[in-house]
């Protein structure tokens, strides 16, 4: 076994750990995003708290937009590591 083959096979477990971490982070960010997006609904037109839209509702929309960015970053990072692991496994099987 050459040094390059040894390096590739050692990367697999580390990538699995990274995928597990980023998967957990993306789940947490997704739940936080859904909770913040759901909290906007009572402040929309026709609902009970619409009178407080300017005081609270606008800030909840901004929070939802920020959490969308966080969720997309976490999910994208997880997918990137997953693709890298898949390519590493393909190259190990050759």
C-alpha atoms as a PDB file:
ATOM      1  CA  UNK A   1       0.000   0.000   0.000  1.00  0.00           C
ATOM      2  CA  UNK A   2       1.452   3.331  -1.018  1.00  0.00           C
ATOM      3  CA  UNK A   3       1.363   6.520   1.005  1.00  0.00           C
ATOM      4  CA  UNK A   4      -1.411   7.985  -1.200  1.00  0.00           C
ATOM      5  CA  UNK A   5      -3.651   4.957  -0.694  1.00  0.00           C
ATOM      6  CA  UNK A   6      -3.068   5.041   3.044  1.00  0.00           C
ATOM      7  CA  UNK A   7      -3.988   8.736   3.136  1.00  0.00           C
ATOM      8  CA  UNK A   8      -7.223   8.209   1.220  1.00  0.00           C
ATOM      9  CA  UNK A   9      -8.409   5.352   3.414  1.00  0.00           C
ATOM     10  CA  UNK A  10      -7.653   7.366   6.565  1.00  0.00           C
ATOM     11  CA  UNK A  11      -9.804  10.254   5.337  1.00  0.00           C
ATOM     12  CA  UNK A  12     -13.042   8.219   5.353  1.00  0.00           C
ATOM     13  CA  UNK A  13     -13.645   8.060   9.129  1.00  0.00           C
ATOM     14  CA  UNK A  14     -12.792  11.734   9.518  1.00  0.00           C
ATOM     15  CA  UNK A  15     -15.257  12.687   6.783  1.00  0.00           C
ATOM     16  CA  UNK A  16     -17.948  10.574   8.442  1.00  0.00           C
ATOM     17  CA  UNK A  17     -17.402  12.546  11.641  1.00  0.00           C
ATOM     18  CA  UNK A  18     -17.647  15.857   9.771  1.00  0.00           C
ATOM     19  CA  UNK A  19     -20.831  14.715   8.023  1.00  0.00           C
ATOM     20  CA  UNK A  20     -22.372  13.715  11.350  1.00  0.00           C
ATOM     21  CA  UNK A  21     -21.525  17.096  12.899  1.00  0.00           C
ATOM     22  CA  UNK A  22     -22.801  19.168   9.981  1.00  0.00           C
ATOM     23  CA  UNK A  23     -25.925  17.026   9.665  1.00  0.00           C
ATOM     24  CA  UNK A  24     -26.759  17.761  13.298  1.00  0.00           C
ATOM     25  CA  UNK A  25     -26.058  21.467  12.781  1.00  0.00           C
ATOM     26  CA  UNK A  26     -28.227  21.604   9.678  1.00  0.00           C
ATOM     27  CA  UNK A  27     -31.086  19.890  11.523  1.00  0.00           C
ATOM     28  CA  UNK A  28     -30.848  22.408  14.376  1.00  0.00           C
ATOM     29  CA  UNK A  29     -30.675  25.326  11.940  1.00  0.00           C
ATOM     30  CA  UNK A  30     -33.634  23.942   9.973  1.00  0.00           C
ATOM     31  CA  UNK A  31     -35.762  23.560  13.083  1.00  0.00           C
ATOM     32  CA  UNK A  32     -34.847  27.089  14.208  1.00  0.00           C
ATOM     33  CA  UNK A  33     -35.735  28.436  10.757  1.00  0.00           C
ATOM     34  CA  UNK A  34     -39.103  26.655  10.709  1.00  0.00           C
ATOM     35  CA  UNK A  35     -39.891  27.901  14.219  1.00  0.00           C
ATOM     36  CA  UNK A  36     -39.054  31.497  13.327  1.00  0.00           C
ATOM     37  CA  UNK A  37     -40.965  31.308  10.036  1.00  0.00           C
ATOM     38  CA  UNK A  38     -43.954  29.826  11.848  1.00  0.00           C
ATOM     39  CA  UNK A  39     -43.863  32.574  14.445  1.00  0.00           C
ATOM     40  CA  UNK A  40     -44.451  35.165  11.706  1.00  0.00           C
ATOM     41  CA  UNK A  41     -47.908  33.766  10.864  1.00  0.00           C
ATOM     42  CA  UNK A  42     -49.811  35.347  13.801  1.00  0.00           C
ATOM     43  CA  UNK A  43     -48.553  38.786  12.709  1.00  0.00           C
ATOM     44  CA  UNK A  44     -49.787  38.560   9.105  1.00  0.00           C
ATOM     45  CA  UNK A  45     -52.809  40.496   7.833  1.00  0.00           C
ATOM     46  CA  UNK A  46     -56.090  39.120   9.111  1.00  0.00           C
ATOM     47  CA  UNK A  47     -54.652  37.516  12.224  1.00  0.00           C
ATOM     48  CA  UNK A  48     -54.950  38.554  15.848  1.00  0.00           C
ATOM     49  CA  UNK A  49     -51.501  40.142  16.285  1.00  0.00           C
ATOM     50  CA  UNK A  50     -51.377  42.095  13.025  1.00  0.00           C
ATOM     51  CA  UNK A  51     -51.502  45.359  14.971  1.00  0.00           C
ATOM     52  CA  UNK A  52     -47.996  44.558  16.251  1.00  0.00           C
ATOM     53  CA  UNK A  53     -46.518  43.868  12.814  1.00  0.00           C
ATOM     54  CA  UNK A  54     -44.312  46.976  12.834  1.00  0.00           C
ATOM     55  CA  UNK A  55     -43.017  46.313  16.348  1.00  0.00           C
ATOM     56  CA  UNK A  56     -42.398  42.564  16.214  1.00  0.00           C
ATOM     57  CA  UNK A  57     -43.355  40.998  12.882  1.00  0.00           C
ATOM     58  CA  UNK A  58     -40.752  42.756  10.761  1.00  0.00           C
ATOM     59  CA  UNK A  59     -37.963  41.608  13.064  1.00  0.00           C
ATOM     60  CA  UNK A  60     -39.226  38.026  12.961  1.00  0.00           C
ATOM     61  CA  UNK A  61     -39.062  38.139   9.157  1.00  0.00           C
ATOM     62  CA  UNK A  62     -35.466  39.404   9.346  1.00  0.00           C
ATOM     63  CA  UNK A  63     -34.618  36.629  11.808  1.00  0.00           C
ATOM     64  CA  UNK A  64     -36.128  34.084   9.421  1.00  0.00           C
ATOM     65  CA  UNK A  65     -34.045  35.441   6.546  1.00  0.00           C
ATOM     66  CA  UNK A  66     -30.873  35.197   8.627  1.00  0.00           C
ATOM     67  CA  UNK A  67     -31.690  31.650   9.715  1.00  0.00           C
ATOM     68  CA  UNK A  68     -32.316  30.700   6.082  1.00  0.00           C
ATOM     69  CA  UNK A  69     -28.733  31.689   5.313  1.00  0.00           C
ATOM     70  CA  UNK A  70     -27.417  29.712   8.288  1.00  0.00           C
ATOM     71  CA  UNK A  71     -29.444  26.645   7.308  1.00  0.00           C
ATOM     72  CA  UNK A  72     -28.300  26.778   3.683  1.00  0.00           C
ATOM     73  CA  UNK A  73     -24.658  27.112   4.750  1.00  0.00           C
ATOM     74  CA  UNK A  74     -24.874  24.134   7.125  1.00  0.00           C
ATOM     75  CA  UNK A  75     -26.733  21.982   4.608  1.00  0.00           C
ATOM     76  CA  UNK A  76     -24.351  22.924   1.800  1.00  0.00           C
ATOM     77  CA  UNK A  77     -21.320  22.094   3.926  1.00  0.00           C
ATOM     78  CA  UNK A  78     -22.804  18.721   4.849  1.00  0.00           C
ATOM     79  CA  UNK A  79     -23.526  17.929   1.195  1.00  0.00           C
ATOM     80  CA  UNK A  80     -20.010  18.962   0.225  1.00  0.00           C
ATOM     81  CA  UNK A  81     -18.464  16.568   2.763  1.00  0.00           C
ATOM     82  CA  UNK A  82     -20.859  13.807   1.703  1.00  0.00           C
ATOM     83  CA  UNK A  83     -19.870  14.197  -1.961  1.00  0.00           C
ATOM     84  CA  UNK A  84     -16.197  14.190  -0.970  1.00  0.00           C
ATOM     85  CA  UNK A  85     -16.704  10.950   1.010  1.00  0.00           C
ATOM     86  CA  UNK A  86     -18.506   9.368  -1.936  1.00  0.00           C
ATOM     87  CA  UNK A  87     -15.688  10.295  -4.302  1.00  0.00           C
ATOM     88  CA  UNK A  88     -13.110   8.978  -1.824  1.00  0.00           C
ATOM     89  CA  UNK A  89     -14.944   5.648  -1.614  1.00  0.00           C
ATOM     90  CA  UNK A  90     -15.106   5.451  -5.418  1.00  0.00           C
ATOM     91  CA  UNK A  91     -11.387   6.036  -5.706  1.00  0.00           C
ATOM     92  CA  UNK A  92     -10.661   3.461  -2.971  1.00  0.00           C
ATOM     93  CA  UNK A  93     -12.607   0.815  -4.888  1.00  0.00           C
ATOM     94  CA  UNK A  94     -10.529   1.260  -8.049  1.00  0.00           C
END
